């Protein structure tokens, strides 16, 4: 079970942190990722993080978004959205393949139709002035 929260209305340039909690299995070393889906668009990868901290961030977001794991609760992953723009408005989903040491770039290459991927319910982020 994955639960994403922390979304809401934010002004352009105002930072926001999303939280993903993974429960139901030992996710401390599982690779976990964030995807997003804007209205009328396909779901796309944002960022993924491996159990030991190796990360992948989509090129277009690398300068503004970072992903981290909680220092003490490794099954909790954060997405730090810095300087958000209007085009970052989307439903943000956290996901995992429940496997240890999947390379983050590999997990982030998944799509909404990829088998054996677990998705959270999503949290809506609206960037608007």
C-alpha atoms as a PDB file:
ATOM      1  CA  UNK A   1       0.000   0.000   0.000  1.00  0.00           C
ATOM      2  CA  UNK A   2       1.319   3.394  -0.973  1.00  0.00           C
ATOM      3  CA  UNK A   3      -0.046   6.653   0.309  1.00  0.00           C
ATOM      4  CA  UNK A   4       0.912   9.995  -1.205  1.00  0.00           C
ATOM      5  CA  UNK A   5       0.057  13.284   0.411  1.00  0.00           C
ATOM      6  CA  UNK A   6       1.183  16.872   0.651  1.00  0.00           C
ATOM      7  CA  UNK A   7      -0.357  18.240  -2.523  1.00  0.00           C
ATOM      8  CA  UNK A   8      -2.404  21.398  -2.734  1.00  0.00           C
ATOM      9  CA  UNK A   9      -2.472  24.850  -4.230  1.00  0.00           C
ATOM     10  CA  UNK A  10       0.905  26.527  -4.481  1.00  0.00           C
ATOM     11  CA  UNK A  11       2.061  29.716  -6.153  1.00  0.00           C
ATOM     12  CA  UNK A  12       4.737  29.628  -8.828  1.00  0.00           C
ATOM     13  CA  UNK A  13       8.141  29.658  -7.163  1.00  0.00           C
ATOM     14  CA  UNK A  14       6.778  28.512  -3.798  1.00  0.00           C
ATOM     15  CA  UNK A  15       8.359  25.231  -2.667  1.00  0.00           C
ATOM     16  CA  UNK A  16       6.320  22.154  -1.859  1.00  0.00           C
ATOM     17  CA  UNK A  17       7.215  18.769  -0.397  1.00  0.00           C
ATOM     18  CA  UNK A  18       5.256  15.626  -1.210  1.00  0.00           C
ATOM     19  CA  UNK A  19       5.393  12.553   0.996  1.00  0.00           C
ATOM     20  CA  UNK A  20       4.980   8.901   0.063  1.00  0.00           C
ATOM     21  CA  UNK A  21       4.536   6.258   2.723  1.00  0.00           C
ATOM     22  CA  UNK A  22       4.864   2.628   1.711  1.00  0.00           C
ATOM     23  CA  UNK A  23       3.235   0.044   3.948  1.00  0.00           C
ATOM     24  CA  UNK A  24       2.461  -3.641   3.835  1.00  0.00           C
ATOM     25  CA  UNK A  25       5.878  -4.993   3.071  1.00  0.00           C
ATOM     26  CA  UNK A  26       9.467  -4.275   3.996  1.00  0.00           C
ATOM     27  CA  UNK A  27      10.023  -1.302   1.739  1.00  0.00           C
ATOM     28  CA  UNK A  28      13.119  -0.002   3.468  1.00  0.00           C
ATOM     29  CA  UNK A  29      15.331  -1.103   0.584  1.00  0.00           C
ATOM     30  CA  UNK A  30      12.772  -1.026  -2.212  1.00  0.00           C
ATOM     31  CA  UNK A  31      13.131   1.377  -5.083  1.00  0.00           C
ATOM     32  CA  UNK A  32      10.337   3.947  -4.952  1.00  0.00           C
ATOM     33  CA  UNK A  33       9.372   6.573  -7.472  1.00  0.00           C
ATOM     34  CA  UNK A  34       7.184   9.549  -8.267  1.00  0.00           C
ATOM     35  CA  UNK A  35       5.188   9.928 -11.457  1.00  0.00           C
ATOM     36  CA  UNK A  36       2.736  12.605 -12.444  1.00  0.00           C
ATOM     37  CA  UNK A  37      -0.196  12.998 -14.778  1.00  0.00           C
ATOM     38  CA  UNK A  38      -1.376  16.364 -16.006  1.00  0.00           C
ATOM     39  CA  UNK A  39      -4.904  16.861 -17.384  1.00  0.00           C
ATOM     40  CA  UNK A  40      -5.145  15.383 -20.856  1.00  0.00           C
ATOM     41  CA  UNK A  41      -1.639  13.954 -20.776  1.00  0.00           C
ATOM     42  CA  UNK A  42      -0.082  10.580 -20.159  1.00  0.00           C
ATOM     43  CA  UNK A  43       1.468   9.634 -16.874  1.00  0.00           C
ATOM     44  CA  UNK A  44       5.151  10.471 -16.854  1.00  0.00           C
ATOM     45  CA  UNK A  45       8.117   9.781 -14.611  1.00  0.00           C
ATOM     46  CA  UNK A  46       9.406  12.437 -12.262  1.00  0.00           C
ATOM     47  CA  UNK A  47      12.007  10.821 -10.043  1.00  0.00           C
ATOM     48  CA  UNK A  48      12.979   7.507  -8.454  1.00  0.00           C
ATOM     49  CA  UNK A  49      15.219   6.511  -5.563  1.00  0.00           C
ATOM     50  CA  UNK A  50      16.923   3.241  -4.755  1.00  0.00           C
ATOM     51  CA  UNK A  51      17.226   1.721  -1.292  1.00  0.00           C
ATOM     52  CA  UNK A  52      20.787   2.940  -0.813  1.00  0.00           C
ATOM     53  CA  UNK A  53      19.979   6.430  -2.022  1.00  0.00           C
ATOM     54  CA  UNK A  54      20.895   6.340  -5.702  1.00  0.00           C
ATOM     55  CA  UNK A  55      18.498   8.635  -7.525  1.00  0.00           C
ATOM     56  CA  UNK A  56      17.167   9.385 -10.963  1.00  0.00           C
ATOM     57  CA  UNK A  57      15.419  12.623 -11.916  1.00  0.00           C
ATOM     58  CA  UNK A  58      13.951  13.436 -15.305  1.00  0.00           C
ATOM     59  CA  UNK A  59      16.276  15.766 -17.194  1.00  0.00           C
ATOM     60  CA  UNK A  60      13.778  18.585 -17.496  1.00  0.00           C
ATOM     61  CA  UNK A  61      13.163  18.592 -13.729  1.00  0.00           C
ATOM     62  CA  UNK A  62      16.652  17.975 -12.441  1.00  0.00           C
ATOM     63  CA  UNK A  63      17.379  21.589 -11.572  1.00  0.00           C
ATOM     64  CA  UNK A  64      14.208  22.032  -9.535  1.00  0.00           C
ATOM     65  CA  UNK A  65      13.082  18.681  -8.101  1.00  0.00           C
ATOM     66  CA  UNK A  66      14.899  16.359  -5.729  1.00  0.00           C
ATOM     67  CA  UNK A  67      13.951  13.045  -4.155  1.00  0.00           C
ATOM     68  CA  UNK A  68      15.039  11.819  -0.740  1.00  0.00           C
ATOM     69  CA  UNK A  69      14.252   9.065   1.727  1.00  0.00           C
ATOM     70  CA  UNK A  70      13.504   9.715   5.361  1.00  0.00           C
ATOM     71  CA  UNK A  71      16.669   9.250   7.403  1.00  0.00           C
ATOM     72  CA  UNK A  72      14.969   6.986   9.944  1.00  0.00           C
ATOM     73  CA  UNK A  73      11.896   5.651   8.126  1.00  0.00           C
ATOM     74  CA  UNK A  74      13.322   4.373   4.878  1.00  0.00           C
ATOM     75  CA  UNK A  75       9.879   3.431   3.581  1.00  0.00           C
ATOM     76  CA  UNK A  76       9.024   7.148   3.483  1.00  0.00           C
ATOM     77  CA  UNK A  77      10.103   9.046   0.393  1.00  0.00           C
ATOM     78  CA  UNK A  78       9.853  12.753  -0.280  1.00  0.00           C
ATOM     79  CA  UNK A  79       9.647  14.751  -3.479  1.00  0.00           C
ATOM     80  CA  UNK A  80      10.963  18.265  -3.032  1.00  0.00           C
ATOM     81  CA  UNK A  81       9.444  20.587  -5.601  1.00  0.00           C
ATOM     82  CA  UNK A  82      11.464  23.770  -5.777  1.00  0.00           C
ATOM     83  CA  UNK A  83      10.429  26.761  -7.890  1.00  0.00           C
ATOM     84  CA  UNK A  84       7.323  24.997  -9.262  1.00  0.00           C
ATOM     85  CA  UNK A  85       5.834  26.254 -12.500  1.00  0.00           C
ATOM     86  CA  UNK A  86       2.308  26.246 -13.872  1.00  0.00           C
ATOM     87  CA  UNK A  87       3.217  23.241 -16.042  1.00  0.00           C
ATOM     88  CA  UNK A  88       3.987  21.209 -12.911  1.00  0.00           C
ATOM     89  CA  UNK A  89       0.269  21.089 -12.171  1.00  0.00           C
ATOM     90  CA  UNK A  90      -0.676  17.410 -12.082  1.00  0.00           C
ATOM     91  CA  UNK A  91      -1.716  14.499  -9.931  1.00  0.00           C
ATOM     92  CA  UNK A  92       1.458  13.081  -8.416  1.00  0.00           C
ATOM     93  CA  UNK A  93       1.634   9.344  -7.784  1.00  0.00           C
ATOM     94  CA  UNK A  94       4.166   7.350  -5.857  1.00  0.00           C
ATOM     95  CA  UNK A  95       4.927   3.840  -7.012  1.00  0.00           C
ATOM     96  CA  UNK A  96       7.199   0.876  -6.522  1.00  0.00           C
ATOM     97  CA  UNK A  97       7.949  -2.521  -7.963  1.00  0.00           C
ATOM     98  CA  UNK A  98       8.492  -3.799  -4.396  1.00  0.00           C
ATOM     99  CA  UNK A  99      11.946  -5.035  -5.324  1.00  0.00           C
ATOM    100  CA  UNK A 100      15.240  -4.269  -3.704  1.00  0.00           C
ATOM    101  CA  UNK A 101      17.928  -2.536  -5.706  1.00  0.00           C
ATOM    102  CA  UNK A 102      16.025  -1.936  -8.894  1.00  0.00           C
ATOM    103  CA  UNK A 103      18.001   0.799 -10.548  1.00  0.00           C
ATOM    104  CA  UNK A 104      16.037   4.037 -10.233  1.00  0.00           C
ATOM    105  CA  UNK A 105      16.333   4.797 -13.945  1.00  0.00           C
ATOM    106  CA  UNK A 106      14.818   1.389 -14.648  1.00  0.00           C
ATOM    107  CA  UNK A 107      11.863   1.970 -12.347  1.00  0.00           C
ATOM    108  CA  UNK A 108      11.334   5.412 -13.810  1.00  0.00           C
ATOM    109  CA  UNK A 109      11.176   3.864 -17.280  1.00  0.00           C
ATOM    110  CA  UNK A 110       7.904   2.180 -16.296  1.00  0.00           C
ATOM    111  CA  UNK A 111       4.554   3.327 -17.581  1.00  0.00           C
ATOM    112  CA  UNK A 112       1.031   3.237 -16.260  1.00  0.00           C
ATOM    113  CA  UNK A 113       0.537  -0.116 -18.023  1.00  0.00           C
ATOM    114  CA  UNK A 114       3.715  -1.824 -16.805  1.00  0.00           C
ATOM    115  CA  UNK A 115       3.038  -5.077 -14.966  1.00  0.00           C
ATOM    116  CA  UNK A 116       3.927  -5.640 -11.318  1.00  0.00           C
ATOM    117  CA  UNK A 117       3.988  -1.975 -10.393  1.00  0.00           C
ATOM    118  CA  UNK A 118       2.142  -0.757  -7.320  1.00  0.00           C
ATOM    119  CA  UNK A 119       0.622   2.714  -7.409  1.00  0.00           C
ATOM    120  CA  UNK A 120      -0.627   5.015  -4.713  1.00  0.00           C
ATOM    121  CA  UNK A 121      -3.824   7.005  -5.040  1.00  0.00           C
ATOM    122  CA  UNK A 122      -2.163  10.248  -6.076  1.00  0.00           C
ATOM    123  CA  UNK A 123      -2.103  13.743  -4.651  1.00  0.00           C
ATOM    124  CA  UNK A 124      -3.093  16.801  -6.668  1.00  0.00           C
ATOM    125  CA  UNK A 125      -0.654  19.671  -7.017  1.00  0.00           C
ATOM    126  CA  UNK A 126      -1.973  22.893  -8.526  1.00  0.00           C
ATOM    127  CA  UNK A 127       0.506  25.621  -9.319  1.00  0.00           C
ATOM    128  CA  UNK A 128      -1.348  28.850  -9.812  1.00  0.00           C
ATOM    129  CA  UNK A 129      -1.016  32.503  -8.969  1.00  0.00           C
END
